[in-house]
């Protein structure tokens, strides 16, 4: 999560758009304590959140999930 280790090859600016790549198993909730940072990056880069949730994780993150999903969907639908 440290920008110092960010790989620029996965980001490209093209026609005033930022194109990025995310990995399917890199869930928004994968790193404990960094969920808020991941959510902010998803909103800033307009990247769909990736969730891998079981019952235990749903109970732990449901408030974060619903709040972030509401914000992200609002922003994503307005940029389409």
C-alpha atoms as a PDB file:
ATOM      1  CA  UNK A   1       0.000   0.000   0.000  1.00  0.00           C
ATOM      2  CA  UNK A   2       3.042   2.274   0.094  1.00  0.00           C
ATOM      3  CA  UNK A   3       3.132   4.488  -3.038  1.00  0.00           C
ATOM      4  CA  UNK A   4       6.911   4.103  -2.974  1.00  0.00           C
ATOM      5  CA  UNK A   5       6.415   0.568  -4.311  1.00  0.00           C
ATOM      6  CA  UNK A   6       3.736   1.451  -6.855  1.00  0.00           C
ATOM      7  CA  UNK A   7       4.587   0.059 -10.288  1.00  0.00           C
ATOM      8  CA  UNK A   8       4.036   2.767 -12.931  1.00  0.00           C
ATOM      9  CA  UNK A   9       3.724   0.203 -15.725  1.00  0.00           C
ATOM     10  CA  UNK A  10       0.275  -0.647 -14.401  1.00  0.00           C
ATOM     11  CA  UNK A  11      -0.876   2.948 -14.876  1.00  0.00           C
ATOM     12  CA  UNK A  12      -1.156   4.804 -18.140  1.00  0.00           C
ATOM     13  CA  UNK A  13      -2.548   8.215 -18.934  1.00  0.00           C
ATOM     14  CA  UNK A  14      -4.353   8.288 -22.246  1.00  0.00           C
ATOM     15  CA  UNK A  15      -6.625  11.089 -23.469  1.00  0.00           C
ATOM     16  CA  UNK A  16      -6.959  12.560 -19.980  1.00  0.00           C
ATOM     17  CA  UNK A  17      -7.987   9.185 -18.559  1.00  0.00           C
ATOM     18  CA  UNK A  18      -6.152   7.041 -16.048  1.00  0.00           C
ATOM     19  CA  UNK A  19      -6.084   3.378 -16.997  1.00  0.00           C
ATOM     20  CA  UNK A  20      -5.079   0.980 -14.252  1.00  0.00           C
ATOM     21  CA  UNK A  21      -5.002  -2.725 -13.633  1.00  0.00           C
ATOM     22  CA  UNK A  22      -6.174  -4.506 -10.515  1.00  0.00           C
ATOM     23  CA  UNK A  23      -5.799  -8.154  -9.674  1.00  0.00           C
ATOM     24  CA  UNK A  24      -8.945 -10.187  -9.074  1.00  0.00           C
ATOM     25  CA  UNK A  25      -7.749 -11.574  -5.731  1.00  0.00           C
ATOM     26  CA  UNK A  26      -6.743  -8.157  -4.342  1.00  0.00           C
ATOM     27  CA  UNK A  27      -9.904  -7.536  -2.339  1.00  0.00           C
ATOM     28  CA  UNK A  28     -10.779  -4.140  -0.901  1.00  0.00           C
ATOM     29  CA  UNK A  29     -10.648  -5.748   2.550  1.00  0.00           C
ATOM     30  CA  UNK A  30      -7.515  -7.890   2.027  1.00  0.00           C
ATOM     31  CA  UNK A  31      -5.112  -5.841   4.159  1.00  0.00           C
ATOM     32  CA  UNK A  32      -6.442  -5.158   7.653  1.00  0.00           C
ATOM     33  CA  UNK A  33      -6.093  -1.516   8.583  1.00  0.00           C
ATOM     34  CA  UNK A  34      -5.819  -0.382   4.942  1.00  0.00           C
ATOM     35  CA  UNK A  35      -9.461  -0.725   3.913  1.00  0.00           C
ATOM     36  CA  UNK A  36     -10.072   3.028   3.987  1.00  0.00           C
ATOM     37  CA  UNK A  37      -6.980   3.649   1.815  1.00  0.00           C
ATOM     38  CA  UNK A  38      -8.143   1.066  -0.724  1.00  0.00           C
ATOM     39  CA  UNK A  39     -11.616   2.607  -0.842  1.00  0.00           C
ATOM     40  CA  UNK A  40     -10.202   6.087  -1.419  1.00  0.00           C
ATOM     41  CA  UNK A  41      -8.012   4.811  -4.273  1.00  0.00           C
ATOM     42  CA  UNK A  42     -10.997   3.040  -5.836  1.00  0.00           C
ATOM     43  CA  UNK A  43     -12.966   6.287  -5.819  1.00  0.00           C
ATOM     44  CA  UNK A  44     -10.051   8.432  -7.029  1.00  0.00           C
ATOM     45  CA  UNK A  45      -9.190   6.093  -9.901  1.00  0.00           C
ATOM     46  CA  UNK A  46     -12.804   5.055 -10.589  1.00  0.00           C
ATOM     47  CA  UNK A  47     -11.942   1.384 -10.155  1.00  0.00           C
ATOM     48  CA  UNK A  48     -14.648  -1.110  -9.299  1.00  0.00           C
ATOM     49  CA  UNK A  49     -14.282  -2.460  -5.781  1.00  0.00           C
ATOM     50  CA  UNK A  50     -13.429  -6.136  -5.531  1.00  0.00           C
ATOM     51  CA  UNK A  51     -15.052  -8.055  -2.703  1.00  0.00           C
ATOM     52  CA  UNK A  52     -14.411 -11.598  -1.491  1.00  0.00           C
ATOM     53  CA  UNK A  53     -16.828 -11.971   1.387  1.00  0.00           C
ATOM     54  CA  UNK A  54     -17.944 -14.897   3.458  1.00  0.00           C
ATOM     55  CA  UNK A  55     -20.428 -14.665   6.346  1.00  0.00           C
ATOM     56  CA  UNK A  56     -17.738 -13.689   8.856  1.00  0.00           C
ATOM     57  CA  UNK A  57     -16.307 -10.937   6.639  1.00  0.00           C
ATOM     58  CA  UNK A  58     -19.770  -9.685   5.741  1.00  0.00           C
ATOM     59  CA  UNK A  59     -20.602  -9.249   9.427  1.00  0.00           C
ATOM     60  CA  UNK A  60     -17.282  -7.481  10.008  1.00  0.00           C
ATOM     61  CA  UNK A  61     -17.435  -5.142   6.987  1.00  0.00           C
ATOM     62  CA  UNK A  62     -21.116  -4.696   6.105  1.00  0.00           C
ATOM     63  CA  UNK A  63     -21.281  -1.050   7.249  1.00  0.00           C
ATOM     64  CA  UNK A  64     -18.079  -0.217   5.321  1.00  0.00           C
ATOM     65  CA  UNK A  65     -19.328  -2.145   2.303  1.00  0.00           C
ATOM     66  CA  UNK A  66     -22.716  -0.449   2.092  1.00  0.00           C
ATOM     67  CA  UNK A  67     -21.346   3.069   2.704  1.00  0.00           C
ATOM     68  CA  UNK A  68     -18.524   2.662   0.159  1.00  0.00           C
ATOM     69  CA  UNK A  69     -20.762   1.011  -2.407  1.00  0.00           C
ATOM     70  CA  UNK A  70     -23.258   3.876  -2.187  1.00  0.00           C
ATOM     71  CA  UNK A  71     -20.504   6.476  -2.742  1.00  0.00           C
ATOM     72  CA  UNK A  72     -18.748   4.500  -5.473  1.00  0.00           C
ATOM     73  CA  UNK A  73     -21.928   3.773  -7.434  1.00  0.00           C
ATOM     74  CA  UNK A  74     -22.930   7.446  -7.329  1.00  0.00           C
ATOM     75  CA  UNK A  75     -19.554   8.548  -8.693  1.00  0.00           C
ATOM     76  CA  UNK A  76     -19.247   5.729 -11.223  1.00  0.00           C
ATOM     77  CA  UNK A  77     -22.712   6.312 -12.662  1.00  0.00           C
ATOM     78  CA  UNK A  78     -22.105  10.063 -12.993  1.00  0.00           C
ATOM     79  CA  UNK A  79     -18.854   9.525 -14.926  1.00  0.00           C
ATOM     80  CA  UNK A  80     -20.401   7.143 -17.459  1.00  0.00           C
END
